[in-house]
Amino acid sequence: MEKRILGIILTLLGVAGLILSAVNFLNSSGAERSVKTIIVFSILGAIFFFAGIGLIRNTKDKPS
């Protein structure tokens, strides 16, 4: 059960990181710093998202 909760938290953090990178992408004017920020947020968001989905998918439910 704890792995599933951790998976949900990681998935939500990943979604937040991807949304943050999309917002930065839409609001940036092309400065070098904003490009680095967009790349970092999108990579971390993708890692968290796929790690969370993997934990949720691979965790088996135990009957109560």
PDB file of N, CA and C in Angstrom:
ATOM      1  N   MET A   1       0.819  -1.197   0.000  1.00  0.00           N
ATOM      2  CA  MET A   1       0.000   0.000   0.000  1.00  0.00           C
ATOM      3  C   MET A   1       0.859   1.256   0.000  1.00  0.00           C
ATOM      4  N   GLU A   2       1.978   1.217   0.734  1.00  0.00           N
ATOM      5  CA  GLU A   2       2.814   2.412   0.813  1.00  0.00           C
ATOM      6  C   GLU A   2       3.468   2.725  -0.525  1.00  0.00           C
ATOM      7  N   LYS A   3       3.809   1.672  -1.286  1.00  0.00           N
ATOM      8  CA  LYS A   3       4.404   1.898  -2.600  1.00  0.00           C
ATOM      9  C   LYS A   3       3.411   2.550  -3.543  1.00  0.00           C
ATOM     10  N   ARG A   4       2.157   2.159  -3.428  1.00  0.00           N
ATOM     11  CA  ARG A   4       1.131   2.753  -4.286  1.00  0.00           C
ATOM     12  C   ARG A   4       0.946   4.231  -3.959  1.00  0.00           C
ATOM     13  N   ILE A   5       0.975   4.581  -2.677  1.00  0.00           N
ATOM     14  CA  ILE A   5       0.843   5.986  -2.270  1.00  0.00           C
ATOM     15  C   ILE A   5       2.044   6.787  -2.761  1.00  0.00           C
ATOM     16  N   LEU A   6       3.246   6.215  -2.642  1.00  0.00           N
ATOM     17  CA  LEU A   6       4.441   6.877  -3.151  1.00  0.00           C
ATOM     18  C   LEU A   6       4.351   7.050  -4.665  1.00  0.00           C
ATOM     19  N   GLY A   7       3.806   6.066  -5.357  1.00  0.00           N
ATOM     20  CA  GLY A   7       3.609   6.172  -6.799  1.00  0.00           C
ATOM     21  C   GLY A   7       2.658   7.293  -7.171  1.00  0.00           C
ATOM     22  N   ILE A   8       1.596   7.450  -6.395  1.00  0.00           N
ATOM     23  CA  ILE A   8       0.641   8.531  -6.648  1.00  0.00           C
ATOM     24  C   ILE A   8       1.308   9.882  -6.428  1.00  0.00           C
ATOM     25  N   ILE A   9       2.098   9.995  -5.355  1.00  0.00           N
ATOM     26  CA  ILE A   9       2.789  11.254  -5.063  1.00  0.00           C
ATOM     27  C   ILE A   9       3.787  11.580  -6.170  1.00  0.00           C
ATOM     28  N   LEU A  10       4.566  10.581  -6.603  1.00  0.00           N
ATOM     29  CA  LEU A  10       5.528  10.819  -7.678  1.00  0.00           C
ATOM     30  C   LEU A  10       4.834  11.204  -8.985  1.00  0.00           C
ATOM     31  N   THR A  11       3.710  10.568  -9.267  1.00  0.00           N
ATOM     32  CA  THR A  11       2.968  10.903 -10.474  1.00  0.00           C
ATOM     33  C   THR A  11       2.465  12.340 -10.423  1.00  0.00           C
ATOM     34  N   LEU A  12       1.939  12.753  -9.281  1.00  0.00           N
ATOM     35  CA  LEU A  12       1.452  14.125  -9.155  1.00  0.00           C
ATOM     36  C   LEU A  12       2.591  15.136  -9.252  1.00  0.00           C
ATOM     37  N   LEU A  13       3.744  14.826  -8.664  1.00  0.00           N
ATOM     38  CA  LEU A  13       4.909  15.703  -8.794  1.00  0.00           C
ATOM     39  C   LEU A  13       5.373  15.789 -10.246  1.00  0.00           C
ATOM     40  N   GLY A  14       5.319  14.668 -10.947  1.00  0.00           N
ATOM     41  CA  GLY A  14       5.692  14.663 -12.360  1.00  0.00           C
ATOM     42  C   GLY A  14       4.757  15.502 -13.203  1.00  0.00           C
ATOM     43  N   VAL A  15       3.460  15.389 -12.947  1.00  0.00           N
ATOM     44  CA  VAL A  15       2.480  16.199 -13.675  1.00  0.00           C
ATOM     45  C   VAL A  15       2.703  17.682 -13.376  1.00  0.00           C
ATOM     46  N   ALA A  16       2.983  18.004 -12.113  1.00  0.00           N
ATOM     47  CA  ALA A  16       3.238  19.398 -11.752  1.00  0.00           C
ATOM     48  C   ALA A  16       4.488  19.931 -12.450  1.00  0.00           C
ATOM     49  N   GLY A  17       5.539  19.106 -12.533  1.00  0.00           N
ATOM     50  CA  GLY A  17       6.752  19.525 -13.222  1.00  0.00           C
ATOM     51  C   GLY A  17       6.520  19.740 -14.707  1.00  0.00           C
ATOM     52  N   LEU A  18       5.745  18.859 -15.331  1.00  0.00           N
ATOM     53  CA  LEU A  18       5.447  19.013 -16.751  1.00  0.00           C
ATOM     54  C   LEU A  18       4.578  20.238 -17.009  1.00  0.00           C
ATOM     55  N   ILE A  19       3.627  20.505 -16.127  1.00  0.00           N
ATOM     56  CA  ILE A  19       2.790  21.704 -16.269  1.00  0.00           C
ATOM     57  C   ILE A  19       3.634  22.954 -16.081  1.00  0.00           C
ATOM     58  N   LEU A  20       4.535  22.924 -15.103  1.00  0.00           N
ATOM     59  CA  LEU A  20       5.407  24.077 -14.866  1.00  0.00           C
ATOM     60  C   LEU A  20       6.311  24.341 -16.061  1.00  0.00           C
ATOM     61  N   SER A  21       6.827  23.303 -16.675  1.00  0.00           N
ATOM     62  CA  SER A  21       7.665  23.507 -17.857  1.00  0.00           C
ATOM     63  C   SER A  21       6.842  24.042 -19.026  1.00  0.00           C
ATOM     64  N   ALA A  22       5.597  23.603 -19.159  1.00  0.00           N
ATOM     65  CA  ALA A  22       4.737  24.127 -20.226  1.00  0.00           C
ATOM     66  C   ALA A  22       4.422  25.599 -20.009  1.00  0.00           C
ATOM     67  N   VAL A  23       4.167  25.984 -18.760  1.00  0.00           N
ATOM     68  CA  VAL A  23       3.888  27.393 -18.454  1.00  0.00           C
ATOM     69  C   VAL A  23       5.117  28.245 -18.727  1.00  0.00           C
ATOM     70  N   ASN A  24       6.302  27.755 -18.328  1.00  0.00           N
ATOM     71  CA  ASN A  24       7.535  28.490 -18.614  1.00  0.00           C
ATOM     72  C   ASN A  24       7.787  28.588 -20.108  1.00  0.00           C
ATOM     73  N   PHE A  25       7.462  27.540 -20.851  1.00  0.00           N
ATOM     74  CA  PHE A  25       7.637  27.553 -22.300  1.00  0.00           C
ATOM     75  C   PHE A  25       6.744  28.607 -22.947  1.00  0.00           C
ATOM     76  N   LEU A  26       5.508  28.698 -22.483  1.00  0.00           N
ATOM     77  CA  LEU A  26       4.583  29.663 -23.068  1.00  0.00           C
ATOM     78  C   LEU A  26       4.923  31.101 -22.685  1.00  0.00           C
ATOM     79  N   ASN A  27       5.515  31.303 -21.520  1.00  0.00           N
ATOM     80  CA  ASN A  27       5.802  32.653 -21.051  1.00  0.00           C
ATOM     81  C   ASN A  27       7.224  33.107 -21.334  1.00  0.00           C
ATOM     82  N   SER A  28       8.061  32.256 -21.937  1.00  0.00           N
ATOM     83  CA  SER A  28       9.464  32.632 -22.146  1.00  0.00           C
ATOM     84  C   SER A  28       9.611  33.442 -23.426  1.00  0.00           C
ATOM     85  N   SER A  29      10.671  34.257 -23.421  1.00  0.00           N
ATOM     86  CA  SER A  29      10.960  35.063 -24.602  1.00  0.00           C
ATOM     87  C   SER A  29      12.159  34.523 -25.360  1.00  0.00           C
ATOM     88  N   GLY A  30      12.725  33.398 -24.926  1.00  0.00           N
ATOM     89  CA  GLY A  30      13.836  32.785 -25.621  1.00  0.00           C
ATOM     90  C   GLY A  30      15.176  33.016 -24.964  1.00  0.00           C
ATOM     91  N   ALA A  31      15.209  33.506 -23.756  1.00  0.00           N
ATOM     92  CA  ALA A  31      16.471  33.695 -23.055  1.00  0.00           C
ATOM     93  C   ALA A  31      17.085  32.339 -22.729  1.00  0.00           C
ATOM     94  N   GLU A  32      18.397  32.303 -22.615  1.00  0.00           N
ATOM     95  CA  GLU A  32      19.087  31.032 -22.382  1.00  0.00           C
ATOM     96  C   GLU A  32      18.693  30.417 -21.044  1.00  0.00           C
ATOM     97  N   ARG A  33      18.492  31.227 -20.034  1.00  0.00           N
ATOM     98  CA  ARG A  33      18.145  30.705 -18.715  1.00  0.00           C
ATOM     99  C   ARG A  33      16.779  30.034 -18.732  1.00  0.00           C
ATOM    100  N   SER A  34      15.827  30.607 -19.434  1.00  0.00           N
ATOM    101  CA  SER A  34      14.499  30.000 -19.452  1.00  0.00           C
ATOM    102  C   SER A  34      14.509  28.683 -20.226  1.00  0.00           C
ATOM    103  N   VAL A  35      15.370  28.556 -21.227  1.00  0.00           N
ATOM    104  CA  VAL A  35      15.461  27.299 -21.966  1.00  0.00           C
ATOM    105  C   VAL A  35      16.014  26.203 -21.049  1.00  0.00           C
ATOM    106  N   LYS A  36      17.035  26.545 -20.269  1.00  0.00           N
ATOM    107  CA  LYS A  36      17.581  25.568 -19.322  1.00  0.00           C
ATOM    108  C   LYS A  36      16.528  25.167 -18.296  1.00  0.00           C
ATOM    109  N   THR A  37      15.764  26.127 -17.811  1.00  0.00           N
ATOM    110  CA  THR A  37      14.713  25.843 -16.835  1.00  0.00           C
ATOM    111  C   THR A  37      13.651  24.926 -17.430  1.00  0.00           C
ATOM    112  N   ILE A  38      13.258  25.191 -18.651  1.00  0.00           N
ATOM    113  CA  ILE A  38      12.248  24.364 -19.311  1.00  0.00           C
ATOM    114  C   ILE A  38      12.751  22.937 -19.468  1.00  0.00           C
ATOM    115  N   ILE A  39      14.004  22.787 -19.882  1.00  0.00           N
ATOM    116  CA  ILE A  39      14.566  21.452 -20.086  1.00  0.00           C
ATOM    117  C   ILE A  39      14.658  20.697 -18.762  1.00  0.00           C
ATOM    118  N   VAL A  40      15.128  21.372 -17.713  1.00  0.00           N
ATOM    119  CA  VAL A  40      15.270  20.709 -16.405  1.00  0.00           C
ATOM    120  C   VAL A  40      13.906  20.295 -15.854  1.00  0.00           C
ATOM    121  N   PHE A  41      12.926  21.193 -15.898  1.00  0.00           N
ATOM    122  CA  PHE A  41      11.595  20.863 -15.376  1.00  0.00           C
ATOM    123  C   PHE A  41      10.948  19.740 -16.179  1.00  0.00           C
ATOM    124  N   SER A  42      11.128  19.739 -17.502  1.00  0.00           N
ATOM    125  CA  SER A  42      10.496  18.683 -18.280  1.00  0.00           C
ATOM    126  C   SER A  42      11.160  17.332 -18.063  1.00  0.00           C
ATOM    127  N   ILE A  43      12.482  17.295 -17.938  1.00  0.00           N
ATOM    128  CA  ILE A  43      13.156  16.012 -17.699  1.00  0.00           C
ATOM    129  C   ILE A  43      12.793  15.469 -16.317  1.00  0.00           C
ATOM    130  N   LEU A  44      12.865  16.320 -15.295  1.00  0.00           N
ATOM    131  CA  LEU A  44      12.507  15.856 -13.948  1.00  0.00           C
ATOM    132  C   LEU A  44      11.038  15.457 -13.861  1.00  0.00           C
ATOM    133  N   GLY A  45      10.168  16.228 -14.504  1.00  0.00           N
ATOM    134  CA  GLY A  45       8.743  15.894 -14.511  1.00  0.00           C
ATOM    135  C   GLY A  45       8.483  14.556 -15.171  1.00  0.00           C
ATOM    136  N   ALA A  46       9.166  14.299 -16.292  1.00  0.00           N
ATOM    137  CA  ALA A  46       8.983  13.022 -16.987  1.00  0.00           C
ATOM    138  C   ALA A  46       9.509  11.855 -16.153  1.00  0.00           C
ATOM    139  N   ILE A  47      10.658  12.054 -15.508  1.00  0.00           N
ATOM    140  CA  ILE A  47      11.215  10.987 -14.661  1.00  0.00           C
ATOM    141  C   ILE A  47      10.268  10.672 -13.515  1.00  0.00           C
ATOM    142  N   PHE A  48       9.785  11.706 -12.809  1.00  0.00           N
ATOM    143  CA  PHE A  48       8.866  11.481 -11.699  1.00  0.00           C
ATOM    144  C   PHE A  48       7.568  10.836 -12.178  1.00  0.00           C
ATOM    145  N   PHE A  49       7.052  11.313 -13.299  1.00  0.00           N
ATOM    146  CA  PHE A  49       5.785  10.803 -13.811  1.00  0.00           C
ATOM    147  C   PHE A  49       5.883   9.322 -14.151  1.00  0.00           C
ATOM    148  N   PHE A  50       6.909   8.946 -14.914  1.00  0.00           N
ATOM    149  CA  PHE A  50       7.019   7.548 -15.324  1.00  0.00           C
ATOM    150  C   PHE A  50       7.415   6.636 -14.172  1.00  0.00           C
ATOM    151  N   ALA A  51       8.189   7.153 -13.214  1.00  0.00           N
ATOM    152  CA  ALA A  51       8.504   6.353 -12.027  1.00  0.00           C
ATOM    153  C   ALA A  51       7.241   6.098 -11.200  1.00  0.00           C
ATOM    154  N   GLY A  52       6.409   7.124 -11.054  1.00  0.00           N
ATOM    155  CA  GLY A  52       5.160   6.965 -10.307  1.00  0.00           C
ATOM    156  C   GLY A  52       4.200   6.008 -10.982  1.00  0.00           C
ATOM    157  N   ILE A  53       4.069   6.126 -12.300  1.00  0.00           N
ATOM    158  CA  ILE A  53       3.189   5.224 -13.041  1.00  0.00           C
ATOM    159  C   ILE A  53       3.711   3.785 -12.931  1.00  0.00           C
ATOM    160  N   GLY A  54       5.028   3.615 -12.992  1.00  0.00           N
ATOM    161  CA  GLY A  54       5.608   2.277 -12.850  1.00  0.00           C
ATOM    162  C   GLY A  54       5.341   1.679 -11.483  1.00  0.00           C
ATOM    163  N   LEU A  55       5.448   2.494 -10.433  1.00  0.00           N
ATOM    164  CA  LEU A  55       5.156   1.991  -9.089  1.00  0.00           C
ATOM    165  C   LEU A  55       3.694   1.605  -8.940  1.00  0.00           C
ATOM    166  N   ILE A  56       2.810   2.421  -9.467  1.00  0.00           N
ATOM    167  CA  ILE A  56       1.378   2.120  -9.363  1.00  0.00           C
ATOM    168  C   ILE A  56       1.055   0.843 -10.133  1.00  0.00           C
ATOM    169  N   ARG A  57       1.626   0.708 -11.320  1.00  0.00           N
ATOM    170  CA  ARG A  57       1.312  -0.437 -12.170  1.00  0.00           C
ATOM    171  C   ARG A  57       1.877  -1.740 -11.611  1.00  0.00           C
ATOM    172  N   ASN A  58       3.079  -1.705 -11.017  1.00  0.00           N
ATOM    173  CA  ASN A  58       3.725  -2.928 -10.568  1.00  0.00           C
ATOM    174  C   ASN A  58       3.401  -3.336  -9.144  1.00  0.00           C
ATOM    175  N   THR A  59       2.699  -2.502  -8.390  1.00  0.00           N
ATOM    176  CA  THR A  59       2.355  -2.836  -7.011  1.00  0.00           C
ATOM    177  C   THR A  59       1.069  -3.676  -7.011  1.00  0.00           C
ATOM    178  N   LYS A  60       1.154  -4.801  -6.374  1.00  0.00           N
ATOM    179  CA  LYS A  60      -0.011  -5.693  -6.295  1.00  0.00           C
ATOM    180  C   LYS A  60      -0.844  -5.345  -5.056  1.00  0.00           C
ATOM    181  N   ASP A  61      -2.154  -5.411  -5.206  1.00  0.00           N
ATOM    182  CA  ASP A  61      -3.059  -5.177  -4.089  1.00  0.00           C
ATOM    183  C   ASP A  61      -3.165  -6.432  -3.233  1.00  0.00           C
ATOM    184  N   LYS A  62      -3.104  -6.239  -1.924  1.00  0.00           N
ATOM    185  CA  LYS A  62      -3.313  -7.351  -1.006  1.00  0.00           C
ATOM    186  C   LYS A  62      -4.749  -7.307  -0.499  1.00  0.00           C
ATOM    187  N   PRO A  63      -5.422  -8.437  -0.403  1.00  0.00           N
ATOM    188  CA  PRO A  63      -6.787  -8.420   0.129  1.00  0.00           C
ATOM    189  C   PRO A  63      -6.772  -8.040   1.617  1.00  0.00           C
ATOM    190  N   SER A  64      -7.739  -7.259   2.007  1.00  0.00           N
ATOM    191  CA  SER A  64      -7.790  -6.788   3.397  1.00  0.00           C
ATOM    192  C   SER A  64      -8.295  -7.842   4.343  1.00  0.00           C
TER     193      SER A  64
END
